[in-house]
């Protein structure tokens, strides 16, 4: 009877150690999953920050392009005015030559 009690105690101890080992394994797996999730969160934050920077640069470039287009339109208008003035000067010169 005492031998049976010792055998049951040993079996219970072995089962308890196996259960303890299972729990330790599950804890390690959970810790690894948490570490992975943290690393992914850091990577996601970095990617979001990078995307924000790119968006900001794109907005700035669009603004610069709009300014350049406006300057080009002004230059075209000035060129048209200069062309009109040259044509007027040519006409005046032709009128003066006809009078002379």
PDB file of N, CA and C in Angstrom:
ATOM      1  N   UNK A   1       0.840  -1.198   0.000  1.00  0.00           N
ATOM      2  CA  UNK A   1       0.000   0.000   0.000  1.00  0.00           C
ATOM      3  C   UNK A   1       0.878   1.252   0.000  1.00  0.00           C
ATOM      4  N   UNK A   2       1.949   1.209   0.790  1.00  0.00           N
ATOM      5  CA  UNK A   2       2.872   2.355   0.817  1.00  0.00           C
ATOM      6  C   UNK A   2       3.594   2.484  -0.526  1.00  0.00           C
ATOM      7  N   UNK A   3       3.931   1.335  -1.113  1.00  0.00           N
ATOM      8  CA  UNK A   3       4.591   1.341  -2.430  1.00  0.00           C
ATOM      9  C   UNK A   3       3.653   1.930  -3.473  1.00  0.00           C
ATOM     10  N   UNK A   4       2.373   1.572  -3.386  1.00  0.00           N
ATOM     11  CA  UNK A   4       1.395   2.107  -4.340  1.00  0.00           C
ATOM     12  C   UNK A   4       1.255   3.626  -4.154  1.00  0.00           C
ATOM     13  N   UNK A   5       1.250   4.050  -2.900  1.00  0.00           N
ATOM     14  CA  UNK A   5       1.153   5.481  -2.597  1.00  0.00           C
ATOM     15  C   UNK A   5       2.367   6.220  -3.157  1.00  0.00           C
ATOM     16  N   UNK A   6       3.570   5.631  -2.997  1.00  0.00           N
ATOM     17  CA  UNK A   6       4.785   6.263  -3.542  1.00  0.00           C
ATOM     18  C   UNK A   6       4.718   6.323  -5.070  1.00  0.00           C
ATOM     19  N   UNK A   7       4.236   5.248  -5.677  1.00  0.00           N
ATOM     20  CA  UNK A   7       4.126   5.212  -7.138  1.00  0.00           C
ATOM     21  C   UNK A   7       3.132   6.271  -7.618  1.00  0.00           C
ATOM     22  N   UNK A   8       2.011   6.417  -6.921  1.00  0.00           N
ATOM     23  CA  UNK A   8       1.017   7.435  -7.303  1.00  0.00           C
ATOM     24  C   UNK A   8       1.582   8.837  -7.118  1.00  0.00           C
ATOM     25  N   UNK A   9       2.346   9.025  -6.045  1.00  0.00           N
ATOM     26  CA  UNK A   9       2.959  10.327  -5.783  1.00  0.00           C
ATOM     27  C   UNK A   9       3.948  10.666  -6.886  1.00  0.00           C
ATOM     28  N   UNK A  10       4.783   9.662  -7.272  1.00  0.00           N
ATOM     29  CA  UNK A  10       5.749   9.892  -8.362  1.00  0.00           C
ATOM     30  C   UNK A  10       5.023  10.214  -9.672  1.00  0.00           C
ATOM     31  N   UNK A  11       3.962   9.454  -9.943  1.00  0.00           N
ATOM     32  CA  UNK A  11       3.206   9.689 -11.175  1.00  0.00           C
ATOM     33  C   UNK A  11       2.607  11.100 -11.163  1.00  0.00           C
ATOM     34  N   UNK A  12       2.105  11.516  -9.992  1.00  0.00           N
ATOM     35  CA  UNK A  12       1.523  12.859  -9.885  1.00  0.00           C
ATOM     36  C   UNK A  12       2.612  13.918 -10.078  1.00  0.00           C
ATOM     37  N   UNK A  13       3.810  13.645  -9.500  1.00  0.00           N
ATOM     38  CA  UNK A  13       4.911  14.602  -9.662  1.00  0.00           C
ATOM     39  C   UNK A  13       5.326  14.702 -11.124  1.00  0.00           C
ATOM     40  N   UNK A  14       5.418  13.559 -11.807  1.00  0.00           N
ATOM     41  CA  UNK A  14       5.790  13.546 -13.231  1.00  0.00           C
ATOM     42  C   UNK A  14       4.751  14.313 -14.043  1.00  0.00           C
ATOM     43  N   UNK A  15       3.466  14.063 -13.737  1.00  0.00           N
ATOM     44  CA  UNK A  15       2.392  14.760 -14.462  1.00  0.00           C
ATOM     45  C   UNK A  15       2.463  16.263 -14.188  1.00  0.00           C
ATOM     46  N   UNK A  16       2.732  16.616 -12.933  1.00  0.00           N
ATOM     47  CA  UNK A  16       2.815  18.037 -12.579  1.00  0.00           C
ATOM     48  C   UNK A  16       3.983  18.700 -13.303  1.00  0.00           C
ATOM     49  N   UNK A  17       5.141  18.001 -13.371  1.00  0.00           N
ATOM     50  CA  UNK A  17       6.294  18.561 -14.091  1.00  0.00           C
ATOM     51  C   UNK A  17       5.985  18.709 -15.572  1.00  0.00           C
ATOM     52  N   UNK A  18       5.304  17.727 -16.163  1.00  0.00           N
ATOM     53  CA  UNK A  18       4.951  17.806 -17.589  1.00  0.00           C
ATOM     54  C   UNK A  18       4.014  18.988 -17.828  1.00  0.00           C
ATOM     55  N   UNK A  19       3.057  19.144 -16.899  1.00  0.00           N
ATOM     56  CA  UNK A  19       2.115  20.268 -17.039  1.00  0.00           C
ATOM     57  C   UNK A  19       2.857  21.600 -16.896  1.00  0.00           C
ATOM     58  N   UNK A  20       3.770  21.650 -15.947  1.00  0.00           N
ATOM     59  CA  UNK A  20       4.579  22.858 -15.730  1.00  0.00           C
ATOM     60  C   UNK A  20       5.387  23.187 -16.987  1.00  0.00           C
ATOM     61  N   UNK A  21       5.958  22.154 -17.606  1.00  0.00           N
ATOM     62  CA  UNK A  21       6.741  22.330 -18.834  1.00  0.00           C
ATOM     63  C   UNK A  21       5.852  22.861 -19.963  1.00  0.00           C
ATOM     64  N   UNK A  22       4.627  22.305 -20.069  1.00  0.00           N
ATOM     65  CA  UNK A  22       3.674  22.784 -21.089  1.00  0.00           C
ATOM     66  C   UNK A  22       3.377  24.262 -20.880  1.00  0.00           C
ATOM     67  N   UNK A  23       3.126  24.618 -19.620  1.00  0.00           N
ATOM     68  CA  UNK A  23       2.813  26.026 -19.317  1.00  0.00           C
ATOM     69  C   UNK A  23       4.001  26.929 -19.655  1.00  0.00           C
ATOM     70  N   UNK A  24       5.204  26.474 -19.335  1.00  0.00           N
ATOM     71  CA  UNK A  24       6.401  27.265 -19.637  1.00  0.00           C
ATOM     72  C   UNK A  24       6.546  27.433 -21.154  1.00  0.00           C
ATOM     73  N   UNK A  25       6.293  26.347 -21.904  1.00  0.00           N
ATOM     74  CA  UNK A  25       6.374  26.427 -23.370  1.00  0.00           C
ATOM     75  C   UNK A  25       5.351  27.422 -23.909  1.00  0.00           C
ATOM     76  N   UNK A  26       4.132  27.354 -23.374  1.00  0.00           N
ATOM     77  CA  UNK A  26       3.081  28.259 -23.849  1.00  0.00           C
ATOM     78  C   UNK A  26       3.419  29.712 -23.500  1.00  0.00           C
ATOM     79  N   UNK A  27       4.008  29.908 -22.326  1.00  0.00           N
ATOM     80  CA  UNK A  27       4.414  31.259 -21.930  1.00  0.00           C
ATOM     81  C   UNK A  27       5.491  31.790 -22.884  1.00  0.00           C
ATOM     82  N   UNK A  28       6.481  30.949 -23.219  1.00  0.00           N
ATOM     83  CA  UNK A  28       7.528  31.377 -24.155  1.00  0.00           C
ATOM     84  C   UNK A  28       6.930  31.710 -25.518  1.00  0.00           C
ATOM     85  N   UNK A  29       5.976  30.886 -25.980  1.00  0.00           N
ATOM     86  CA  UNK A  29       5.337  31.150 -27.274  1.00  0.00           C
ATOM     87  C   UNK A  29       4.576  32.471 -27.228  1.00  0.00           C
ATOM     88  N   UNK A  30       3.880  32.719 -26.124  1.00  0.00           N
ATOM     89  CA  UNK A  30       3.129  33.976 -25.995  1.00  0.00           C
ATOM     90  C   UNK A  30       4.078  35.167 -25.967  1.00  0.00           C
ATOM     91  N   UNK A  31       5.197  35.030 -25.247  1.00  0.00           N
ATOM     92  CA  UNK A  31       6.178  36.131 -25.198  1.00  0.00           C
ATOM     93  C   UNK A  31       6.751  36.403 -26.585  1.00  0.00           C
ATOM     94  N   UNK A  32       7.015  35.333 -27.343  1.00  0.00           N
ATOM     95  CA  UNK A  32       7.537  35.506 -28.705  1.00  0.00           C
ATOM     96  C   UNK A  32       6.497  36.216 -29.571  1.00  0.00           C
ATOM     97  N   UNK A  33       5.223  35.843 -29.422  1.00  0.00           N
ATOM     98  CA  UNK A  33       4.156  36.483 -30.210  1.00  0.00           C
ATOM     99  C   UNK A  33       4.050  37.972 -29.860  1.00  0.00           C
ATOM    100  N   UNK A  34       4.181  38.294 -28.570  1.00  0.00           N
ATOM    101  CA  UNK A  34       4.137  39.700 -28.152  1.00  0.00           C
ATOM    102  C   UNK A  34       5.313  40.464 -28.755  1.00  0.00           C
ATOM    103  N   UNK A  35       6.503  39.871 -28.715  1.00  0.00           N
ATOM    104  CA  UNK A  35       7.681  40.536 -29.284  1.00  0.00           C
ATOM    105  C   UNK A  35       7.493  40.770 -30.776  1.00  0.00           C
ATOM    106  N   UNK A  36       6.927  39.768 -31.470  1.00  0.00           N
ATOM    107  CA  UNK A  36       6.671  39.912 -32.910  1.00  0.00           C
ATOM    108  C   UNK A  36       5.678  41.035 -33.169  1.00  0.00           C
ATOM    109  N   UNK A  37       4.605  41.080 -32.364  1.00  0.00           N
ATOM    110  CA  UNK A  37       3.581  42.117 -32.537  1.00  0.00           C
ATOM    111  C   UNK A  37       4.178  43.500 -32.301  1.00  0.00           C
ATOM    112  N   UNK A  38       5.050  43.609 -31.296  1.00  0.00           N
ATOM    113  CA  UNK A  38       5.700  44.909 -31.025  1.00  0.00           C
ATOM    114  C   UNK A  38       6.585  45.318 -32.202  1.00  0.00           C
ATOM    115  N   UNK A  39       7.344  44.366 -32.733  1.00  0.00           N
ATOM    116  CA  UNK A  39       8.221  44.681 -33.869  1.00  0.00           C
ATOM    117  C   UNK A  39       7.391  45.117 -35.070  1.00  0.00           C
ATOM    118  N   UNK A  40       6.256  44.445 -35.296  1.00  0.00           N
ATOM    119  CA  UNK A  40       5.388  44.814 -36.414  1.00  0.00           C
ATOM    120  C   UNK A  40       4.806  46.212 -36.197  1.00  0.00           C
ATOM    121  N   UNK A  41       4.426  46.518 -34.963  1.00  0.00           N
ATOM    122  CA  UNK A  41       3.878  47.843 -34.667  1.00  0.00           C
ATOM    123  C   UNK A  41       4.925  48.926 -34.942  1.00  0.00           C
ATOM    124  N   UNK A  42       6.172  48.659 -34.558  1.00  0.00           N
ATOM    125  CA  UNK A  42       7.254  49.619 -34.808  1.00  0.00           C
ATOM    126  C   UNK A  42       7.444  49.805 -36.315  1.00  0.00           C
ATOM    127  N   UNK A  43       7.447  48.690 -37.054  1.00  0.00           N
ATOM    128  CA  UNK A  43       7.620  48.748 -38.509  1.00  0.00           C
ATOM    129  C   UNK A  43       6.457  49.495 -39.172  1.00  0.00           C
ATOM    130  N   UNK A  44       5.226  49.219 -38.699  1.00  0.00           N
ATOM    131  CA  UNK A  44       4.056  49.916 -39.241  1.00  0.00           C
ATOM    132  C   UNK A  44       4.151  51.418 -38.986  1.00  0.00           C
ATOM    133  N   UNK A  45       4.574  51.789 -37.780  1.00  0.00           N
ATOM    134  CA  UNK A  45       4.705  53.211 -37.449  1.00  0.00           C
ATOM    135  C   UNK A  45       5.752  53.871 -38.340  1.00  0.00           C
ATOM    136  N   UNK A  46       6.865  53.163 -38.579  1.00  0.00           N
ATOM    137  CA  UNK A  46       7.912  53.716 -39.439  1.00  0.00           C
ATOM    138  C   UNK A  46       7.379  53.899 -40.864  1.00  0.00           C
ATOM    139  N   UNK A  47       6.649  52.900 -41.353  1.00  0.00           N
ATOM    140  CA  UNK A  47       6.094  52.982 -42.711  1.00  0.00           C
ATOM    141  C   UNK A  47       5.090  54.131 -42.812  1.00  0.00           C
ATOM    142  N   UNK A  48       4.262  54.287 -41.766  1.00  0.00           N
ATOM    143  CA  UNK A  48       3.290  55.400 -41.768  1.00  0.00           C
ATOM    144  C   UNK A  48       4.004  56.743 -41.798  1.00  0.00           C
ATOM    145  N   UNK A  49       5.065  56.850 -41.004  1.00  0.00           N
ATOM    146  CA  UNK A  49       5.824  58.095 -40.953  1.00  0.00           C
ATOM    147  C   UNK A  49       6.458  58.396 -42.319  1.00  0.00           C
ATOM    148  N   UNK A  50       6.996  57.348 -42.936  1.00  0.00           N
ATOM    149  CA  UNK A  50       7.605  57.505 -44.260  1.00  0.00           C
ATOM    150  C   UNK A  50       6.546  57.957 -45.281  1.00  0.00           C
ATOM    151  N   UNK A  51       5.367  57.338 -45.215  1.00  0.00           N
ATOM    152  CA  UNK A  51       4.291  57.697 -46.147  1.00  0.00           C
ATOM    153  C   UNK A  51       3.871  59.152 -45.942  1.00  0.00           C
ATOM    154  N   UNK A  52       3.797  59.579 -44.668  1.00  0.00           N
ATOM    155  CA  UNK A  52       3.444  60.978 -44.378  1.00  0.00           C
ATOM    156  C   UNK A  52       4.483  61.918 -44.987  1.00  0.00           C
ATOM    157  N   UNK A  53       5.760  61.567 -44.836  1.00  0.00           N
ATOM    158  CA  UNK A  53       6.826  62.392 -45.414  1.00  0.00           C
ATOM    159  C   UNK A  53       6.704  62.482 -46.925  1.00  0.00           C
ATOM    160  N   UNK A  54       6.441  61.335 -47.560  1.00  0.00           N
ATOM    161  CA  UNK A  54       6.296  61.328 -49.023  1.00  0.00           C
ATOM    162  C   UNK A  54       5.095  62.166 -49.451  1.00  0.00           C
ATOM    163  N   UNK A  55       3.986  62.030 -48.688  1.00  0.00           N
ATOM    164  CA  UNK A  55       2.787  62.811 -49.010  1.00  0.00           C
ATOM    165  C   UNK A  55       3.083  64.311 -48.898  1.00  0.00           C
ATOM    166  N   UNK A  56       3.815  64.669 -47.859  1.00  0.00           N
ATOM    167  CA  UNK A  56       4.166  66.074 -47.646  1.00  0.00           C
ATOM    168  C   UNK A  56       5.038  66.589 -48.793  1.00  0.00           C
ATOM    169  N   UNK A  57       6.019  65.761 -49.203  1.00  0.00           N
ATOM    170  CA  UNK A  57       6.892  66.175 -50.310  1.00  0.00           C
ATOM    171  C   UNK A  57       6.111  66.298 -51.612  1.00  0.00           C
ATOM    172  N   UNK A  58       5.158  65.379 -51.818  1.00  0.00           N
ATOM    173  CA  UNK A  58       4.329  65.439 -53.023  1.00  0.00           C
ATOM    174  C   UNK A  58       3.508  66.725 -53.037  1.00  0.00           C
ATOM    175  N   UNK A  59       2.915  67.067 -51.888  1.00  0.00           N
ATOM    176  CA  UNK A  59       2.123  68.299 -51.799  1.00  0.00           C
ATOM    177  C   UNK A  59       2.995  69.515 -52.116  1.00  0.00           C
ATOM    178  N   UNK A  60       4.208  69.537 -51.564  1.00  0.00           N
ATOM    179  CA  UNK A  60       5.117  70.652 -51.832  1.00  0.00           C
ATOM    180  C   UNK A  60       5.468  70.712 -53.317  1.00  0.00           C
ATOM    181  N   UNK A  61       5.736  69.561 -53.924  1.00  0.00           N
ATOM    182  CA  UNK A  61       6.090  69.527 -55.348  1.00  0.00           C
ATOM    183  C   UNK A  61       4.912  69.993 -56.202  1.00  0.00           C
ATOM    184  N   UNK A  62       3.686  69.601 -55.807  1.00  0.00           N
ATOM    185  CA  UNK A  62       2.509  70.059 -56.549  1.00  0.00           C
ATOM    186  C   UNK A  62       2.380  71.576 -56.468  1.00  0.00           C
ATOM    187  N   UNK A  63       2.649  72.125 -55.270  1.00  0.00           N
ATOM    188  CA  UNK A  63       2.605  73.582 -55.099  1.00  0.00           C
ATOM    189  C   UNK A  63       3.634  74.268 -55.981  1.00  0.00           C
ATOM    190  N   UNK A  64       4.844  73.705 -56.005  1.00  0.00           N
ATOM    191  CA  UNK A  64       5.901  74.288 -56.849  1.00  0.00           C
ATOM    192  C   UNK A  64       5.524  74.205 -58.323  1.00  0.00           C
ATOM    193  N   UNK A  65       4.921  73.088 -58.732  1.00  0.00           N
ATOM    194  CA  UNK A  65       4.521  72.934 -60.133  1.00  0.00           C
ATOM    195  C   UNK A  65       3.442  73.957 -60.494  1.00  0.00           C
ATOM    196  N   UNK A  66       2.503  74.190 -59.577  1.00  0.00           N
ATOM    197  CA  UNK A  66       1.454  75.181 -59.840  1.00  0.00           C
ATOM    198  C   UNK A  66       2.067  76.570 -59.980  1.00  0.00           C
ATOM    199  N   UNK A  67       3.037  76.890 -59.126  1.00  0.00           N
ATOM    200  CA  UNK A  67       3.715  78.200 -59.220  1.00  0.00           C
ATOM    201  C   UNK A  67       4.452  78.327 -60.555  1.00  0.00           C
ATOM    202  N   UNK A  68       5.136  77.262 -60.956  1.00  0.00           N
ATOM    203  CA  UNK A  68       5.872  77.304 -62.220  1.00  0.00           C
ATOM    204  C   UNK A  68       4.913  77.488 -63.391  1.00  0.00           C
ATOM    205  N   UNK A  69       3.755  76.817 -63.329  1.00  0.00           N
ATOM    206  CA  UNK A  69       2.765  76.969 -64.403  1.00  0.00           C
ATOM    207  C   UNK A  69       2.260  78.410 -64.450  1.00  0.00           C
ATOM    208  N   UNK A  70       2.023  79.002 -63.281  1.00  0.00           N
ATOM    209  CA  UNK A  70       1.555  80.394 -63.240  1.00  0.00           C
ATOM    210  C   UNK A  70       2.623  81.326 -63.821  1.00  0.00           C
ATOM    211  N   UNK A  71       3.896  81.067 -63.466  1.00  0.00           N
ATOM    212  CA  UNK A  71       4.982  81.908 -64.018  1.00  0.00           C
ATOM    213  C   UNK A  71       5.062  81.750 -65.536  1.00  0.00           C
ATOM    214  N   UNK A  72       4.871  80.534 -66.036  1.00  0.00           N
ATOM    215  CA  UNK A  72       4.915  80.307 -67.478  1.00  0.00           C
ATOM    216  C   UNK A  72       3.787  81.061 -68.172  1.00  0.00           C
ATOM    217  N   UNK A  73       2.598  81.056 -67.566  1.00  0.00           N
ATOM    218  CA  UNK A  73       1.474  81.798 -68.147  1.00  0.00           C
ATOM    219  C   UNK A  73       1.783  83.296 -68.202  1.00  0.00           C
ATOM    220  N   UNK A  74       2.373  83.825 -67.123  1.00  0.00           N
ATOM    221  CA  UNK A  74       2.752  85.250 -67.106  1.00  0.00           C
ATOM    222  C   UNK A  74       3.762  85.545 -68.212  1.00  0.00           C
ATOM    223  N   UNK A  75       4.746  84.649 -68.354  1.00  0.00           N
ATOM    224  CA  UNK A  75       5.770  84.853 -69.384  1.00  0.00           C
ATOM    225  C   UNK A  75       5.137  84.835 -70.779  1.00  0.00           C
ATOM    226  N   UNK A  76       4.187  83.924 -70.989  1.00  0.00           N
ATOM    227  CA  UNK A  76       3.509  83.882 -72.292  1.00  0.00           C
ATOM    228  C   UNK A  76       2.746  85.187 -72.545  1.00  0.00           C
ATOM    229  N   UNK A  77       2.061  85.687 -71.509  1.00  0.00           N
ATOM    230  CA  UNK A  77       1.318  86.944 -71.667  1.00  0.00           C
ATOM    231  C   UNK A  77       2.271  88.088 -72.001  1.00  0.00           C
ATOM    232  N   UNK A  78       3.415  88.130 -71.316  1.00  0.00           N
ATOM    233  CA  UNK A  78       4.411  89.177 -71.598  1.00  0.00           C
ATOM    234  C   UNK A  78       4.913  89.049 -73.038  1.00  0.00           C
ATOM    235  N   UNK A  79       5.138  87.807 -73.475  1.00  0.00           N
ATOM    236  CA  UNK A  79       5.617  87.605 -74.841  1.00  0.00           C
ATOM    237  C   UNK A  79       4.575  88.076 -75.851  1.00  0.00           C
ATOM    238  N   UNK A  80       3.293  87.802 -75.570  1.00  0.00           N
ATOM    239  CA  UNK A  80       2.230  88.269 -76.483  1.00  0.00           C
ATOM    240  C   UNK A  80       2.198  89.799 -76.531  1.00  0.00           C
ATOM    241  N   UNK A  81       2.353  90.424 -75.366  1.00  0.00           N
ATOM    242  CA  UNK A  81       2.368  91.905 -75.330  1.00  0.00           C
ATOM    243  C   UNK A  81       3.536  92.444 -76.146  1.00  0.00           C
ATOM    244  N   UNK A  82       4.708  91.805 -75.975  1.00  0.00           N
ATOM    245  CA  UNK A  82       5.890  92.255 -76.711  1.00  0.00           C
ATOM    246  C   UNK A  82       5.669  92.089 -78.217  1.00  0.00           C
ATOM    247  N   UNK A  83       5.029  90.985 -78.608  1.00  0.00           N
ATOM    248  CA  UNK A  83       4.745  90.757 -80.033  1.00  0.00           C
ATOM    249  C   UNK A  83       3.827  91.852 -80.569  1.00  0.00           C
ATOM    250  N   UNK A  84       2.794  92.177 -79.804  1.00  0.00           N
ATOM    251  CA  UNK A  84       1.868  93.239 -80.226  1.00  0.00           C
ATOM    252  C   UNK A  84       2.621  94.561 -80.358  1.00  0.00           C
ATOM    253  N   UNK A  85       3.504  94.874 -79.374  1.00  0.00           N
ATOM    254  CA  UNK A  85       4.261  96.134 -79.440  1.00  0.00           C
ATOM    255  C   UNK A  85       5.174  96.163 -80.672  1.00  0.00           C
ATOM    256  N   UNK A  86       5.797  94.989 -80.980  1.00  0.00           N
ATOM    257  CA  UNK A  86       6.665  94.936 -82.167  1.00  0.00           C
ATOM    258  C   UNK A  86       5.842  95.156 -83.436  1.00  0.00           C
ATOM    259  N   UNK A  87       4.659  94.521 -83.478  1.00  0.00           N
ATOM    260  CA  UNK A  87       3.809  94.704 -84.662  1.00  0.00           C
ATOM    261  C   UNK A  87       3.382  96.167 -84.795  1.00  0.00           C
ATOM    262  N   UNK A  88       3.076  96.815 -83.671  1.00  0.00           N
ATOM    263  CA  UNK A  88       2.694  98.235 -83.711  1.00  0.00           C
ATOM    264  C   UNK A  88       3.874  99.085 -84.195  1.00  0.00           C
ATOM    265  N   UNK A  89       5.074  98.739 -83.708  1.00  0.00           N
ATOM    266  CA  UNK A  89       6.255  99.493 -84.117  1.00  0.00           C
ATOM    267  C   UNK A  89       6.513  99.297 -85.613  1.00  0.00           C
ATOM    268  N   UNK A  90       6.343  98.058 -86.093  1.00  0.00           N
ATOM    269  CA  UNK A  90       6.508  97.787 -87.525  1.00  0.00           C
ATOM    270  C   UNK A  90       5.512  98.598 -88.343  1.00  0.00           C
ATOM    271  N   UNK A  91       4.255  98.621 -87.854  1.00  0.00           N
ATOM    272  CA  UNK A  91       3.222  99.370 -88.578  1.00  0.00           C
ATOM    273  C   UNK A  91       3.553 100.864 -88.588  1.00  0.00           C
ATOM    274  N   UNK A  92       4.018 101.371 -87.444  1.00  0.00           N
ATOM    275  CA  UNK A  92       4.388 102.802 -87.372  1.00  0.00           C
ATOM    276  C   UNK A  92       5.543 103.079 -88.317  1.00  0.00           C
ATOM    277  N   UNK A  93       6.527 102.158 -88.369  1.00  0.00           N
ATOM    278  CA  UNK A  93       7.669 102.368 -89.232  1.00  0.00           C
ATOM    279  C   UNK A  93       7.217 102.338 -90.700  1.00  0.00           C
ATOM    280  N   UNK A  94       6.302 101.431 -91.032  1.00  0.00           N
ATOM    281  CA  UNK A  94       5.818 101.351 -92.400  1.00  0.00           C
ATOM    282  C   UNK A  94       5.029 102.624 -92.750  1.00  0.00           C
ATOM    283  N   UNK A  95       4.247 103.151 -91.821  1.00  0.00           N
ATOM    284  CA  UNK A  95       3.489 104.381 -92.065  1.00  0.00           C
ATOM    285  C   UNK A  95       4.467 105.556 -92.260  1.00  0.00           C
ATOM    286  N   UNK A  96       5.508 105.590 -91.434  1.00  0.00           N
ATOM    287  CA  UNK A  96       6.485 106.683 -91.558  1.00  0.00           C
ATOM    288  C   UNK A  96       7.207 106.590 -92.894  1.00  0.00           C
ATOM    289  N   UNK A  97       7.525 105.375 -93.320  1.00  0.00           N
ATOM    290  CA  UNK A  97       8.209 105.203 -94.595  1.00  0.00           C
ATOM    291  C   UNK A  97       7.282 105.607 -95.741  1.00  0.00           C
ATOM    292  N   UNK A  98       5.991 105.315 -95.621  1.00  0.00           N
ATOM    293  CA  UNK A  98       5.046 105.673 -96.669  1.00  0.00           C
ATOM    294  C   UNK A  98       4.888 107.190 -96.757  1.00  0.00           C
ATOM    295  N   UNK A  99       4.956 107.879 -95.630  1.00  0.00           N
ATOM    296  CA  UNK A  99       4.831 109.349 -95.623  1.00  0.00           C
ATOM    297  C   UNK A  99       6.088 110.001 -96.223  1.00  0.00           C
ATOM    298  N   UNK A 100       7.234 109.363 -96.021  1.00  0.00           N
ATOM    299  CA  UNK A 100       8.470 109.980 -96.453  1.00  0.00           C
ATOM    300  C   UNK A 100       8.706 109.904 -97.939  1.00  0.00           C
TER     301      UNK A 100
END
